[in-house]
Protein backbone atom coordinates (compact mmCIF):
# COMPACT_ATOMS: atom_id res chain seq x y z
CA MET A 1 -7.28 -10.64 -12.77
CA ARG A 2 -7.50 -7.19 -11.09
CA ILE A 3 -5.13 -8.23 -8.29
CA HIS A 4 -2.62 -9.58 -10.80
CA PHE A 5 -2.80 -6.34 -12.76
CA VAL A 6 -2.26 -4.17 -9.66
CA VAL A 7 0.73 -6.26 -8.58
CA PHE A 8 2.16 -6.12 -12.09
CA PHE A 9 1.65 -2.36 -12.37
CA LEU A 10 3.19 -1.59 -8.99
CA SER A 11 6.12 -3.78 -9.95
CA LEU A 12 6.63 -1.67 -13.07
CA ILE A 13 6.50 1.53 -11.03
CA LEU A 14 9.00 0.10 -8.55
CA ILE A 15 11.39 -0.97 -11.30
CA SER A 16 11.02 2.38 -13.05
CA ILE A 17 11.80 4.36 -9.91
CA LEU A 18 14.68 2.14 -8.85
CA THR A 19 16.31 2.42 -12.25
CA GLY A 20 15.51 6.09 -12.82
CA CYS A 21 16.58 7.76 -9.59
CA GLY A 22 20.20 8.41 -10.26
CA GLY A 23 21.55 5.23 -8.71
CA MET A 24 18.77 4.22 -6.30
CA LYS A 25 19.11 0.62 -7.46
CA ASN A 26 22.55 0.55 -5.80
CA SER A 27 21.30 2.17 -2.60
CA VAL A 28 22.42 -0.38 0.00
CA VAL A 29 24.74 1.52 2.32
CA SER A 30 27.09 -0.83 4.12
CA LEU A 31 28.58 1.73 6.47
CA GLN A 32 27.61 1.32 10.11
CA ALA A 33 26.70 4.98 10.35
CA ASP A 34 23.73 7.21 11.03
CA TYR A 35 21.85 8.97 8.24
CA LEU A 36 22.71 6.41 5.56
CA GLY A 37 26.41 7.06 5.94
CA MET A 38 26.11 10.56 4.50
CA LYS A 39 28.67 13.21 5.39
CA PRO A 40 26.97 15.55 7.90
CA PRO A 41 26.13 19.00 6.49
CA ALA A 42 27.36 22.30 7.88
CA ASP A 43 25.39 25.56 7.70
CA THR A 44 24.64 25.24 3.96
CA PRO A 45 21.82 22.86 3.00
CA VAL A 46 22.73 19.95 0.72
CA ARG A 47 20.67 17.16 -0.81
CA PHE A 48 20.13 14.28 1.55
CA ALA A 49 21.20 10.84 0.32
CA PRO A 50 21.20 11.55 -3.44
CA GLY A 51 19.95 8.57 -5.41
CA ILE A 52 18.43 7.03 -2.29
CA VAL A 53 16.11 9.66 -0.82
CA ALA A 54 16.72 12.70 -3.04
CA SER A 55 15.81 11.32 -6.46
CA MET A 56 14.70 12.30 -9.94
CA HIS A 57 11.12 11.97 -8.72
CA HIS A 58 9.04 14.36 -6.65
CA GLU A 59 9.63 14.09 -2.89
CA HIS A 60 6.34 15.33 -1.46
CA SER A 61 6.46 15.07 2.33
CA ARG A 62 8.75 15.66 5.23
CA LEU A 63 11.34 13.05 6.10
CA GLU A 64 9.66 11.19 8.96
CA PHE A 65 11.84 9.38 11.49
CA SER A 66 10.94 6.49 13.73
CA LYS A 67 11.50 7.42 17.36
CA ASP A 68 14.77 5.46 17.53
CA GLY A 69 16.04 7.07 14.32
CA LEU A 70 16.55 3.69 12.66
CA GLU A 71 13.78 4.04 10.08
CA LEU A 72 13.10 6.82 7.59
CA TYR A 73 9.85 7.39 5.68
CA TRP A 74 8.96 9.84 2.93
CA ASN A 75 6.48 10.32 0.09
CA ILE A 76 7.34 10.09 -3.61
CA ILE A 77 5.12 11.20 -6.48
CA PRO A 78 6.51 9.41 -9.56
CA VAL A 79 7.56 11.51 -12.53
CA ASP A 80 6.44 10.25 -15.94
CA THR A 81 7.70 12.40 -18.81
CA ASN A 82 4.98 10.94 -21.06
CA TYR A 83 2.23 12.13 -18.71
CA ARG A 84 0.97 15.58 -17.79
CA SER A 85 -1.19 16.28 -14.75
CA ARG A 86 -3.68 19.16 -14.62
CA SER A 87 -0.87 21.45 -13.53
CA GLY A 88 1.01 20.63 -16.73
CA ARG A 89 3.77 18.88 -14.81
CA PRO A 90 4.77 15.25 -15.44
CA PHE A 91 3.61 14.05 -12.03
CA ARG A 92 1.51 10.97 -11.30
CA PRO A 93 -0.23 11.93 -8.03
CA ASP A 94 -2.53 8.95 -8.47
CA LYS A 95 0.56 6.74 -8.07
CA SER A 96 1.93 8.59 -5.05
CA ASN A 97 3.39 6.26 -2.45
CA ILE A 98 5.37 6.16 0.77
CA TRP A 99 8.93 4.88 0.67
CA PHE A 100 11.15 3.79 3.53
CA THR A 101 14.56 2.50 4.50
CA ARG A 102 15.74 1.07 7.79
CA ARG A 103 19.08 0.48 9.43
CA THR A 104 20.05 -3.13 10.10
CA ASN A 105 23.14 -4.83 11.49
CA THR A 106 24.71 -4.72 8.04
CA GLY A 107 23.71 -1.21 6.99
CA TRP A 108 20.71 0.60 5.55
CA THR A 109 18.30 -1.34 3.36
CA ASP A 110 17.34 -0.45 -0.19
CA ALA A 111 14.65 2.19 -0.42
CA ALA A 112 11.34 0.40 -0.99
CA ILE A 113 7.61 1.10 -1.11
CA PHE A 114 5.88 0.85 2.24
CA PRO A 115 4.00 -2.46 2.06
CA LEU A 116 0.56 -1.25 3.19
CA THR A 117 -0.03 1.83 1.05
CA LEU A 118 -2.90 1.74 -1.42
CA GLU A 119 -3.08 1.80 -5.19
CA SER A 120 -4.96 5.13 -5.16
CA GLY A 121 -1.94 7.06 -3.87
CA ALA A 122 -0.60 7.67 -0.38
CA GLY A 123 1.36 10.27 1.57
CA SER A 124 1.80 12.18 4.84
CA PRO A 125 3.81 9.56 6.79
CA THR A 126 3.49 10.35 10.52
CA PHE A 127 4.32 8.50 13.73
CA SER A 128 2.25 8.78 16.89
CA PRO A 129 3.92 10.50 19.87
CA ASP A 130 5.20 7.23 21.34
CA GLY A 131 6.14 5.83 17.93
CA SER A 132 3.84 2.81 18.22
CA ILE A 133 1.36 3.85 15.51
CA PHE A 134 2.18 4.80 11.93
CA TYR A 135 -0.32 7.06 10.15
CA TYR A 136 -0.65 7.88 6.49
CA GLN A 137 -3.23 9.38 4.16
CA SER A 138 -4.52 7.78 0.97
CA ASN A 139 -6.89 9.05 -1.70
CA ASP A 140 -10.52 8.06 -1.26
CA PRO A 141 -11.13 5.53 -4.07
CA ASN A 142 -14.85 6.41 -4.13
CA ALA A 143 -14.36 10.15 -4.58
CA ASP A 144 -15.32 12.15 -7.65
CA PRO A 145 -12.31 11.93 -10.00
CA ASP A 146 -12.63 15.65 -10.79
CA GLU A 147 -12.68 16.79 -7.15
CA ARG A 148 -9.72 18.88 -6.03
CA PRO A 149 -8.01 18.43 -3.72
CA LYS A 150 -8.53 14.70 -3.75
CA PRO A 151 -10.23 13.74 -0.48
CA ASN A 152 -7.88 11.72 1.68
CA LEU A 153 -8.67 8.96 4.12
CA LEU A 154 -6.48 8.57 7.19
CA TYR A 155 -5.08 5.14 7.97
CA ALA A 156 -3.08 3.72 10.84
CA THR A 157 -1.09 0.57 11.45
CA LYS A 158 1.05 -0.97 14.18
CA LYS A 159 4.13 -3.14 13.95
CA VAL A 160 3.92 -6.56 15.59
CA ASN A 161 6.95 -8.86 15.69
CA GLY A 162 8.69 -6.68 13.14
CA ASN A 163 5.80 -6.69 10.63
CA TRP A 164 3.13 -4.09 9.93
CA LYS A 165 -0.41 -5.22 10.70
CA GLU A 166 -3.30 -4.58 8.34
CA ALA A 167 -4.07 -0.86 8.25
CA TYR A 168 -7.35 0.50 9.55
CA GLN A 169 -9.15 3.76 8.80
CA VAL A 170 -9.10 6.54 11.41
CA LYS A 171 -11.93 9.10 11.38
CA GLU A 172 -11.49 10.98 14.66
CA ILE A 173 -8.26 12.94 14.21
CA LEU A 174 -8.29 15.15 11.09
CA PRO A 175 -11.31 17.21 9.94
CA LYS A 176 -12.77 16.57 6.51
CA GLU A 177 -15.18 18.42 4.25
CA LYS A 178 -15.66 18.70 0.51
CA ASN A 179 -12.74 20.43 -1.26
CA ARG A 180 -10.88 20.82 2.02
CA GLY A 181 -8.13 18.67 3.41
CA THR A 182 -4.85 18.25 5.24
CA MET A 183 -1.49 17.89 3.57
CA SER A 184 0.75 17.57 6.62
CA PHE A 185 0.25 16.89 10.33
CA CYS A 186 2.38 16.04 13.35
CA PHE A 187 2.13 15.34 17.07
CA ALA A 188 3.90 16.77 20.10
CA ASP A 189 5.00 14.31 22.78
CA ASN A 190 1.89 15.09 24.85
CA GLY A 191 -0.36 14.13 21.92
CA ASN A 192 -1.28 17.66 20.85
CA LEU A 193 -1.91 17.79 17.12
CA TYR A 194 -0.69 20.42 14.63
CA PHE A 195 -1.87 20.32 11.04
CA ASP A 196 -2.53 22.39 7.93
CA TYR A 197 -5.97 22.68 6.43
CA GLY A 198 -7.13 24.25 3.21
CA GLY A 199 -8.17 24.01 -0.41
CA PRO A 200 -9.26 26.15 -3.37
CA ALA A 201 -10.85 29.54 -2.67
CA ALA A 202 -13.69 31.09 -4.66
CA ASP A 203 -11.22 32.98 -6.86
CA GLY A 204 -9.41 29.76 -7.80
CA ASN A 205 -6.37 30.43 -5.61
CA TRP A 206 -5.51 27.94 -2.92
CA TRP A 207 -5.37 28.77 0.78
CA TRP A 208 -3.98 26.86 3.74
CA ASN A 209 -3.67 27.68 7.43
CA ILE A 210 -2.21 25.91 10.43
CA ARG A 211 -4.42 24.64 13.22
CA PHE A 212 -3.98 23.12 16.64
CA SER A 213 -6.01 20.51 18.46
CA GLU A 214 -5.34 19.86 22.13
CA PHE A 215 -5.30 16.24 23.29
CA LYS A 216 -7.09 16.15 26.63
CA ASP A 217 -8.82 13.41 28.61
CA GLY A 218 -8.09 10.89 25.87
CA LYS A 219 -9.62 12.82 22.98
CA TYR A 220 -8.98 15.79 20.72
CA LYS A 221 -10.65 19.12 21.38
CA GLN A 222 -12.10 21.30 18.64
CA PRO A 223 -9.26 22.58 16.40
CA VAL A 224 -8.37 26.26 16.51
CA VAL A 225 -6.53 28.38 13.94
CA LEU A 226 -3.20 29.51 15.36
CA ASP A 227 -2.74 33.25 15.71
CA PHE A 228 0.23 35.45 16.76
CA GLY A 229 1.19 35.97 13.10
CA ILE A 230 1.62 32.28 12.30
CA ASN A 231 -1.11 32.38 9.65
CA ASP A 232 -0.34 35.79 8.21
CA GLY A 233 0.67 34.38 4.83
CA ASP A 234 -1.55 33.61 1.85
CA VAL A 235 -0.53 29.99 2.38
CA ASP A 236 0.74 28.58 5.67
CA TRP A 237 1.25 24.84 5.71
CA CYS A 238 3.51 21.84 6.37
CA PRO A 239 3.99 22.38 10.13
CA TRP A 240 6.53 20.49 12.22
CA ILE A 241 6.27 20.83 15.99
CA ALA A 242 9.16 20.24 18.39
CA PRO A 243 8.37 17.25 20.65
CA ASP A 244 8.19 19.56 23.70
CA GLU A 245 6.27 22.24 21.72
CA SER A 246 9.07 24.76 22.32
CA TYR A 247 9.05 25.81 18.66
CA MET A 248 7.31 25.17 15.36
CA ILE A 249 8.65 25.33 11.79
CA TRP A 250 6.40 25.65 8.76
CA SER A 251 6.30 26.93 5.20
CA SER A 252 4.69 30.27 4.41
CA HIS A 253 3.96 32.42 1.37
CA ARG A 254 4.13 36.04 2.57
CA GLU A 255 5.62 39.38 1.59
CA GLU A 256 8.94 39.05 3.40
CA ASN A 257 9.85 35.86 1.51
CA TYR A 258 12.95 35.18 -0.54
CA GLY A 259 10.85 33.20 -2.98
CA ASN A 260 7.69 31.21 -3.54
CA GLY A 261 7.54 29.72 -0.06
CA ASP A 262 10.00 30.03 2.84
CA LEU A 263 10.53 28.21 6.09
CA PHE A 264 9.52 30.20 9.17
CA ILE A 265 10.01 29.43 12.85
CA SER A 266 8.17 30.58 15.95
CA PHE A 267 9.26 29.93 19.53
CA LYS A 268 6.79 29.42 22.35
CA ASN A 269 6.89 31.90 25.22
CA ASP A 270 6.75 30.94 28.88
CA ASP A 271 3.08 31.99 29.03
CA GLY A 272 2.17 29.54 26.25
CA THR A 273 1.81 32.14 23.49
CA TRP A 274 3.80 32.04 20.28
CA ASP A 275 6.46 34.63 19.56
CA ILE A 276 6.59 36.62 16.33
CA PRO A 277 7.40 34.30 13.38
CA VAL A 278 10.92 34.60 11.98
CA ASN A 279 12.05 33.81 8.45
CA MET A 280 14.81 31.20 8.79
CA GLY A 281 17.00 33.27 6.51
CA GLU A 282 18.93 32.99 3.28
CA SER A 283 21.11 30.18 4.59
CA VAL A 284 17.96 27.98 4.35
CA ASN A 285 15.54 29.79 2.06
CA THR A 286 15.99 30.62 -1.61
CA ASN A 287 13.89 31.99 -4.47
CA LYS A 288 12.53 28.44 -4.79
CA GLN A 289 9.87 26.87 -2.60
CA GLU A 290 10.96 25.34 0.70
CA ARG A 291 8.47 23.27 2.71
CA PHE A 292 7.95 19.98 4.61
CA PRO A 293 10.41 20.64 7.48
CA SER A 294 11.39 18.14 10.16
CA VAL A 295 14.18 17.82 12.71
CA SER A 296 16.01 14.57 13.40
CA PRO A 297 15.22 12.81 16.71
CA ASP A 298 18.64 13.74 18.08
CA GLY A 299 18.00 17.41 17.25
CA LYS A 300 21.15 17.69 15.14
CA TYR A 301 19.76 18.27 11.66
CA LEU A 302 16.97 20.15 9.95
CA PHE A 303 15.45 18.47 6.91
CA PHE A 304 13.13 20.03 4.34
CA ALA A 305 12.00 19.75 0.72
CA ARG A 306 13.04 22.29 -1.89
CA HIS A 307 11.68 22.62 -5.41
CA GLU A 308 14.40 22.15 -7.99
CA PRO A 309 13.92 22.68 -11.76
CA GLU A 310 16.03 19.66 -12.63
CA THR A 311 14.72 17.22 -10.01
CA TYR A 312 11.28 18.70 -9.20
CA SER A 313 11.58 18.47 -5.40
CA ASP A 314 14.39 17.07 -3.26
CA ILE A 315 14.92 16.61 0.45
CA PHE A 316 17.78 18.71 1.84
CA TRP A 317 19.43 18.75 5.24
CA VAL A 318 21.44 21.31 7.22
CA ASP A 319 22.94 21.62 10.68
CA ALA A 320 20.12 22.41 13.12
CA SER A 321 22.27 24.84 15.11
CA ILE A 322 20.52 27.53 13.06
CA ILE A 323 17.46 26.99 15.28
CA GLU A 324 19.32 27.92 18.45
CA SER A 325 20.98 30.87 16.67
CA LEU A 326 17.59 32.23 15.62
CA LYS A 327 16.27 31.81 19.17
CA GLU A 328 19.20 33.68 20.67
CA SER A 329 18.86 36.44 18.09
CA GLN A 330 15.16 36.85 18.83
CA MET A 331 15.79 36.97 22.58
CA LYS A 332 18.24 39.83 22.06
CA ASN A 333 15.59 41.75 20.16
């Protein structure tokens, strides 16, 4: 009976999202083109794939690409106008799930729920450096329902003959302790791990900082908090590392912001230190919150999530030439 109920409930969620996302139910793109056939952006960010990826629900992760660029993954927290979470917003974090689409010989498939995510909510889609392992986090079903943030368990799966194998829990990568957790993590090509870590402080405010764990001799070393100004904000989170570790982009809440949270970038110096963080500027940042950055595998486009009053949070994209422009500008200074 429980299995039937879960299947029935997830089916309702799926139908609700497909019919309530501004056209997602008609999301098959027949064009033989990259990026779901969308017109490439210039230097002004625009919503990515409205009605397919950018929806009337809450996009709550970076847009994660498979290494060949033929699959896209992202997290959606469903919006239910008849429900209010603790924050007072109509989000259903307990029904959070990972969605995906892939390019086939006839075009991009309909956006659909990733088949292995759990009923207790899932997020943080992340590929391993070689693309062979897919990681995601899911709420611990045995946790105290009043605990915040919800403790997450890390899972991994591999694709065999085109199908995902049964997921297994991973305990060795991300640190865990009560009321502390990771929202976003990513790997460099050499396996080095970058992640945010935080939770509620004694005064009730939330804190996050970005940490680094070196992958050496087949295992991860003790994480360290990144310095050189990277964690100078009240909240520093959602890191994305370039595959060669030449730069990192993250979201920060600090004094020199345009709004609630801006995207910052830091370039790595020849000696391995990080240069002074740079706000990515008003062509990317607004008085709204920007976070969850990622760059497409071909390096052409920067993607990120932006809070929008009408659509809660959408994924935007912009020409990634801004990254090189910021690097050149910093070198001149």
